[in-house]
Amino acid sequence: MKLDRRKTFFVYPKPPFHFDGTFYKPSHFPNKLKLDDWEIGKYWQGLRLGKKLYGLKMENAGLGLKPKLKVSVYSDKKIEAGEIEKLKKEISWRFELDIDLKEFNDLAKKDSQFYPVFKKWIGMRNASQYTLYELLIIAIVLQNATARRSQQMLDVLIGKLGTMVEFDKKELWAIWLPEDMERISEQELRDLKIGYRAKFIKRLSLDFTKDKINEMNLRNLEKESTNKELVKLYGVGPETARILLFEVYHHYDVFDHVAPWQQKIYSQLFYGKELVSANKIRDDIQKRYGKYSMLAVHYIWEDVFWRRKNEKIEWLEKEIRL
């Protein structure tokens, strides 16, 4: 799909704002069929809003405590004024541009161990470029698999079912719509070597096509109510729902479970040890960061993956097994 119609506008994140920390998350596994792209001060992705697919380019146009983003939106049809307002609202939500982090930043200053990390990334947001459905698809391929295997499965699914968009000299991919799954059988999905996940993807897609959940409405609910709605979806258990509450709905107080694979990384990050009990990690983090526990962990987690771009961290390589 060639997107050759463009509209440009500006948005103004609440200061302080860290552009690169917000738009690039090095902890995300790198699939070959790219869903997004980044270089210092610039970010691109295919963005779905409703059933329409846009190309999105974000550029850092601000200085210091006066953050400013130049946003270019690409489409295959003329972009109307009403679309621009909807896109501004959606971009602000997904990338948390209107969030006031003053209380969190004040808390971070009291942490002698990790304040250098928080200071380095001050203004970084917990951004999610994906829709709820798209993130669930990624969650499904991450289940019970190494990062490399997950990457392979997502690439083959995107190549078969996704849409490639061309804009601003970029070729990026977008995950399919839920209703697109109606034209492919479960067996055809299994033939793509994704195993039991074929059933999960088919059933989950059906939940969305039957409007079992309304992603936008959940943005206005309290955490507990959102959680109840999420676990109604096929294959979504408490742990997946917890991740979605943070990744999609920006609840920072959901650090109440530590998965075994996370436990090993957290043990090294917070204690410099091979293995610390999951309960101790959870309790220590909650005591230290309170209602901002998940956001604080996000900063520290992303920081070590940024470091990995420039140095080899032996214990981390062993755990992520890319």
Protein backbone atom coordinates (compact mmCIF):
# COMPACT_ATOMS: atom_id res chain seq x y z
CA MET A 1 0.00 0.00 0.00
CA LYS A 2 1.57 3.27 -1.12
CA LEU A 3 0.77 6.17 1.18
CA ASP A 4 1.49 9.30 -0.83
CA ARG A 5 -0.87 11.86 0.74
CA ARG A 6 0.66 13.76 3.66
CA LYS A 7 -0.42 16.12 6.41
CA THR A 8 1.97 17.67 8.92
CA PHE A 9 1.20 19.14 12.33
CA PHE A 10 2.84 19.69 15.70
CA VAL A 11 2.10 18.31 19.15
CA TYR A 12 3.58 19.49 22.43
CA PRO A 13 4.31 16.80 25.06
CA LYS A 14 4.19 17.75 28.71
CA PRO A 15 7.77 18.47 29.86
CA PRO A 16 10.15 16.96 30.57
CA PHE A 17 10.11 14.64 27.56
CA HIS A 18 12.66 12.12 26.29
CA PHE A 19 12.05 11.53 22.59
CA ASP A 20 14.31 8.55 21.90
CA GLY A 21 13.52 6.76 25.17
CA THR A 22 9.82 7.08 24.43
CA PHE A 23 9.76 6.02 20.79
CA TYR A 24 12.43 3.34 20.75
CA LYS A 25 12.32 0.38 23.14
CA PRO A 26 15.43 -1.78 22.59
CA SER A 27 14.01 -4.55 24.79
CA HIS A 28 11.44 -5.35 22.06
CA PHE A 29 12.64 -8.23 19.91
CA PRO A 30 13.68 -7.18 16.39
CA ASN A 31 11.55 -8.90 13.75
CA LYS A 32 12.84 -8.87 10.17
CA LEU A 33 9.55 -7.59 8.77
CA LYS A 34 9.64 -4.28 10.60
CA LEU A 35 6.55 -2.83 12.25
CA ASP A 36 8.39 0.40 13.01
CA ASP A 37 11.76 2.08 12.56
CA TRP A 38 13.84 4.54 14.52
CA GLU A 39 16.94 6.68 14.33
CA ILE A 40 18.02 9.41 16.73
CA GLY A 41 15.31 12.08 16.74
CA LYS A 42 13.04 10.29 14.24
CA TYR A 43 10.48 7.49 14.41
CA TRP A 44 8.24 5.78 11.82
CA GLN A 45 5.43 3.23 12.02
CA GLY A 46 2.28 2.02 10.37
CA LEU A 47 -0.59 3.08 12.63
CA ARG A 48 -4.11 1.71 12.58
CA LEU A 49 -6.92 3.92 13.79
CA GLY A 50 -10.19 2.06 13.49
CA LYS A 51 -9.99 0.25 10.18
CA LYS A 52 -7.79 2.83 8.49
CA LEU A 53 -4.05 2.39 8.14
CA TYR A 54 -1.74 5.40 8.17
CA GLY A 55 1.99 5.96 7.94
CA LEU A 56 3.31 7.92 10.90
CA LYS A 57 6.57 9.86 11.15
CA MET A 58 7.54 11.58 14.39
CA GLU A 59 10.45 14.03 14.59
CA ASN A 60 11.98 15.68 17.61
CA ALA A 61 11.54 19.42 17.03
CA GLY A 62 11.89 20.71 20.59
CA LEU A 63 14.65 21.88 22.88
CA GLY A 64 15.22 21.25 26.58
CA LEU A 65 12.12 21.88 28.65
CA LYS A 66 10.10 22.92 25.58
CA PRO A 67 9.35 19.59 23.89
CA LYS A 68 7.79 19.73 20.44
CA LEU A 69 7.04 16.96 17.97
CA LYS A 70 6.68 17.36 14.24
CA VAL A 71 4.15 14.76 13.13
CA SER A 72 3.73 13.74 9.50
CA VAL A 73 0.79 11.47 8.67
CA TYR A 74 0.62 9.60 5.37
CA SER A 75 -2.42 8.06 3.72
CA ASP A 76 -3.52 6.60 0.39
CA LYS A 77 -6.44 9.08 0.37
CA LYS A 78 -6.89 12.74 1.23
CA ILE A 79 -6.61 13.32 4.97
CA GLU A 80 -9.51 15.34 6.34
CA ALA A 81 -9.33 17.82 9.21
CA GLY A 82 -11.43 15.57 11.42
CA GLU A 83 -8.92 12.75 10.97
CA ILE A 84 -6.11 14.98 12.18
CA GLU A 85 -7.87 15.69 15.47
CA LYS A 86 -8.51 11.97 16.01
CA LEU A 87 -4.89 11.18 15.22
CA LYS A 88 -3.62 13.82 17.65
CA LYS A 89 -5.74 12.32 20.39
CA GLU A 90 -4.66 8.77 19.58
CA ILE A 91 -0.97 9.62 19.39
CA SER A 92 -1.17 11.47 22.70
CA TRP A 93 -2.79 8.45 24.34
CA ARG A 94 -0.49 5.77 22.95
CA PHE A 95 2.71 7.66 23.69
CA GLU A 96 1.49 9.32 26.90
CA LEU A 97 2.32 12.81 25.68
CA ASP A 98 0.02 14.53 28.18
CA ILE A 99 1.17 12.65 31.28
CA ASP A 100 2.56 14.68 34.19
CA LEU A 101 5.50 12.72 35.63
CA LYS A 102 6.51 15.25 38.30
CA GLU A 103 5.50 13.03 41.23
CA PHE A 104 7.38 10.07 39.78
CA ASN A 105 10.46 12.20 39.06
CA ASP A 106 10.45 13.50 42.64
CA LEU A 107 10.30 9.90 43.90
CA ALA A 108 13.15 8.89 41.60
CA LYS A 109 15.44 11.54 43.10
CA LYS A 110 15.27 9.71 46.43
CA ASP A 111 16.63 6.48 44.97
CA SER A 112 20.39 6.63 45.43
CA GLN A 113 20.90 3.31 43.64
CA PHE A 114 19.06 4.08 40.42
CA TYR A 115 18.73 7.86 40.27
CA PRO A 116 21.51 8.03 37.60
CA VAL A 117 19.28 5.84 35.41
CA PHE A 118 16.16 7.89 36.04
CA LYS A 119 18.06 11.12 35.43
CA LYS A 120 19.42 9.81 32.11
CA TRP A 121 15.92 8.95 30.84
CA ILE A 122 13.90 11.68 32.54
CA GLY A 123 10.71 12.26 30.56
CA MET A 124 10.63 8.78 29.00
CA ARG A 125 7.09 7.46 28.57
CA ASN A 126 5.65 3.97 28.71
CA ALA A 127 4.67 4.08 25.06
CA SER A 128 2.65 1.49 23.17
CA GLN A 129 2.44 1.97 19.43
CA TYR A 130 0.05 -0.96 19.07
CA THR A 131 -3.69 -1.45 19.33
CA LEU A 132 -4.95 -3.86 21.97
CA TYR A 133 -5.49 -6.56 19.32
CA GLU A 134 -2.02 -6.08 17.82
CA LEU A 135 -0.32 -6.33 21.20
CA LEU A 136 -2.28 -9.50 21.99
CA ILE A 137 -1.05 -11.09 18.77
CA ILE A 138 2.52 -10.28 19.80
CA ALA A 139 1.82 -11.67 23.29
CA ILE A 140 0.58 -14.94 21.78
CA VAL A 141 3.76 -15.51 19.76
CA LEU A 142 5.85 -14.71 22.85
CA GLN A 143 4.21 -17.47 24.88
CA ASN A 144 6.48 -20.42 25.73
CA ALA A 145 9.10 -19.52 23.13
CA THR A 146 12.55 -17.99 22.91
CA ALA A 147 12.84 -14.49 21.47
CA ARG A 148 14.28 -15.94 18.26
CA ARG A 149 11.40 -18.38 17.83
CA SER A 150 8.86 -15.64 18.57
CA GLN A 151 10.51 -13.45 15.96
CA GLN A 152 10.25 -16.24 13.37
CA MET A 153 6.57 -16.84 14.08
CA LEU A 154 5.65 -13.16 13.94
CA ASP A 155 7.55 -12.68 10.70
CA VAL A 156 5.78 -15.56 8.97
CA LEU A 157 2.38 -14.35 10.20
CA ILE A 158 3.01 -10.77 9.10
CA GLY A 159 4.33 -11.92 5.74
CA LYS A 160 1.21 -14.00 5.15
CA LEU A 161 -1.47 -11.74 6.63
CA GLY A 162 -0.04 -8.27 7.24
CA THR A 163 0.05 -5.19 5.04
CA MET A 164 3.21 -3.47 3.87
CA VAL A 165 3.02 0.31 3.68
CA GLU A 166 5.39 2.56 1.73
CA PHE A 167 5.87 6.16 2.83
CA ASP A 168 8.72 8.62 3.37
CA LYS A 169 11.11 6.17 1.64
CA LYS A 170 10.27 3.51 4.23
CA GLU A 171 8.72 0.06 3.84
CA LEU A 172 7.05 -1.03 7.08
CA TRP A 173 4.46 -3.64 7.98
CA ALA A 174 1.20 -3.54 9.89
CA ILE A 175 -0.58 -6.40 11.64
CA TRP A 176 -3.87 -7.45 10.09
CA LEU A 177 -7.36 -6.57 11.32
CA PRO A 178 -9.27 -9.16 13.39
CA GLU A 179 -11.83 -9.71 10.61
CA ASP A 180 -9.05 -10.66 8.20
CA MET A 181 -8.77 -13.93 10.13
CA GLU A 182 -12.13 -15.03 8.75
CA ARG A 183 -10.51 -15.78 5.38
CA ILE A 184 -7.92 -18.19 6.74
CA SER A 185 -8.56 -21.50 8.48
CA GLU A 186 -6.98 -22.75 11.67
CA GLN A 187 -5.20 -25.45 9.69
CA GLU A 188 -3.75 -22.88 7.32
CA LEU A 189 -2.38 -21.06 10.34
CA ARG A 190 -0.95 -24.29 11.73
CA ASP A 191 0.78 -24.86 8.41
CA LEU A 192 2.76 -21.69 9.17
CA LYS A 193 4.42 -23.64 12.01
CA ILE A 194 2.92 -21.67 14.88
CA GLY A 195 1.42 -24.69 16.67
CA TYR A 196 -1.34 -24.27 19.25
CA ARG A 197 -1.20 -20.51 18.76
CA ALA A 198 -3.31 -20.95 15.62
CA LYS A 199 -6.34 -21.76 17.76
CA PHE A 200 -5.63 -18.82 20.08
CA ILE A 201 -5.35 -16.37 17.19
CA LYS A 202 -8.54 -17.59 15.54
CA ARG A 203 -10.60 -17.49 18.74
CA LEU A 204 -9.18 -14.16 19.89
CA SER A 205 -9.87 -12.58 16.49
CA LEU A 206 -13.45 -13.81 16.72
CA ASP A 207 -13.84 -12.10 20.10
CA PHE A 208 -12.87 -8.80 18.49
CA THR A 209 -15.03 -9.20 15.39
CA LYS A 210 -18.01 -9.97 17.64
CA ASP A 211 -17.27 -6.83 19.68
CA LYS A 212 -16.72 -8.77 22.87
CA ILE A 213 -14.49 -5.91 23.97
CA ASN A 214 -14.24 -2.20 23.17
CA GLU A 215 -10.63 -1.06 23.40
CA MET A 216 -11.49 2.64 23.53
CA ASN A 217 -14.11 2.30 26.27
CA LEU A 218 -11.60 0.56 28.53
CA ARG A 219 -9.48 3.71 28.57
CA ASN A 220 -12.12 5.36 30.75
CA LEU A 221 -12.45 2.53 33.30
CA GLU A 222 -10.68 1.95 36.59
CA LYS A 223 -7.93 -0.67 36.66
CA GLU A 224 -10.03 -3.41 38.24
CA SER A 225 -12.88 -2.95 35.77
CA THR A 226 -10.48 -2.97 32.83
CA ASN A 227 -8.90 -6.16 34.12
CA LYS A 228 -12.31 -7.88 34.33
CA GLU A 229 -12.99 -7.05 30.70
CA LEU A 230 -9.59 -8.17 29.48
CA VAL A 231 -9.77 -11.63 31.04
CA LYS A 232 -13.04 -12.26 29.18
CA LEU A 233 -11.00 -12.52 25.98
CA TYR A 234 -10.01 -15.99 24.82
CA GLY A 235 -6.56 -16.97 26.06
CA VAL A 236 -6.08 -13.90 28.26
CA GLY A 237 -5.21 -14.89 31.81
CA PRO A 238 -4.21 -12.79 34.82
CA GLU A 239 -0.57 -12.37 33.74
CA THR A 240 -1.38 -11.29 30.18
CA ALA A 241 -4.04 -8.93 31.52
CA ARG A 242 -1.51 -7.44 33.94
CA ILE A 243 0.91 -6.74 31.09
CA LEU A 244 -1.87 -5.17 29.02
CA LEU A 245 -2.89 -2.94 31.92
CA PHE A 246 0.58 -1.42 31.81
CA GLU A 247 1.43 -1.59 28.10
CA VAL A 248 -1.92 -0.51 26.63
CA TYR A 249 -3.74 1.25 29.47
CA HIS A 250 -0.79 2.86 31.28
CA HIS A 251 -1.50 1.67 34.82
CA TYR A 252 1.76 1.92 36.73
CA ASP A 253 0.77 -0.02 39.87
CA VAL A 254 0.60 -3.53 38.40
CA PHE A 255 3.95 -4.93 39.53
CA ASP A 256 2.37 -7.76 41.49
CA HIS A 257 3.83 -10.80 39.72
CA VAL A 258 7.31 -11.75 38.56
CA ALA A 259 7.55 -14.38 35.81
CA PRO A 260 10.46 -16.87 36.05
CA TRP A 261 12.28 -15.46 33.01
CA GLN A 262 11.91 -11.93 34.39
CA GLN A 263 13.04 -13.07 37.83
CA LYS A 264 16.56 -13.86 36.62
CA ILE A 265 16.97 -10.49 34.92
CA TYR A 266 15.50 -8.55 37.86
CA SER A 267 17.82 -10.46 40.24
CA GLN A 268 20.85 -9.22 38.32
CA LEU A 269 19.51 -5.68 37.82
CA PHE A 270 18.44 -4.99 41.39
CA TYR A 271 20.70 -7.23 43.48
CA GLY A 272 23.63 -8.28 41.28
CA LYS A 273 22.79 -11.92 42.04
CA GLU A 274 21.83 -14.89 39.89
CA LEU A 275 18.52 -15.59 41.61
CA VAL A 276 16.48 -13.77 44.24
CA SER A 277 13.00 -14.95 45.22
CA ALA A 278 10.18 -13.52 43.12
CA ASN A 279 8.27 -12.48 46.25
CA LYS A 280 11.23 -10.50 47.59
CA ILE A 281 11.69 -8.75 44.26
CA ARG A 282 8.00 -7.83 44.12
CA ASP A 283 7.84 -6.66 47.73
CA ASP A 284 11.05 -4.63 47.52
CA ILE A 285 9.98 -2.88 44.31
CA GLN A 286 6.51 -2.10 45.63
CA LYS A 287 7.95 -0.72 48.87
CA ARG A 288 10.44 1.45 47.01
CA TYR A 289 8.25 2.80 44.22
CA GLY A 290 4.63 2.33 45.35
CA LYS A 291 2.05 3.21 42.70
CA TYR A 292 4.86 3.85 40.19
CA SER A 293 6.44 0.40 40.58
CA MET A 294 5.88 -0.79 37.03
CA LEU A 295 7.04 2.50 35.51
CA ALA A 296 10.22 2.49 37.60
CA VAL A 297 11.00 -1.06 36.52
CA HIS A 298 10.34 -0.04 32.92
CA TYR A 299 13.03 2.67 33.13
CA ILE A 300 15.61 0.32 34.63
CA TRP A 301 14.69 -2.52 32.25
CA GLU A 302 14.98 -0.38 29.11
CA ASP A 303 18.21 1.18 30.33
CA VAL A 304 20.04 -2.15 30.42
CA PHE A 305 18.87 -2.94 26.87
CA TRP A 306 20.09 0.47 25.71
CA ARG A 307 23.45 -0.39 27.28
CA ARG A 308 23.40 -3.71 25.42
CA LYS A 309 23.48 -1.76 22.13
CA ASN A 310 27.03 -0.64 22.95
CA GLU A 311 28.44 -3.32 25.21
CA LYS A 312 28.14 -7.06 25.68
CA ILE A 313 26.42 -7.98 28.94
CA GLU A 314 27.15 -11.67 29.39
CA TRP A 315 24.44 -12.53 31.89
CA LEU A 316 21.81 -10.72 29.81
CA GLU A 317 22.77 -12.51 26.58
CA LYS A 318 22.36 -15.82 28.38
CA GLU A 319 18.81 -14.96 29.48
CA ILE A 320 17.33 -13.43 26.35
CA ARG A 321 18.73 -16.03 23.92
CA LEU A 322 18.16 -14.07 20.72
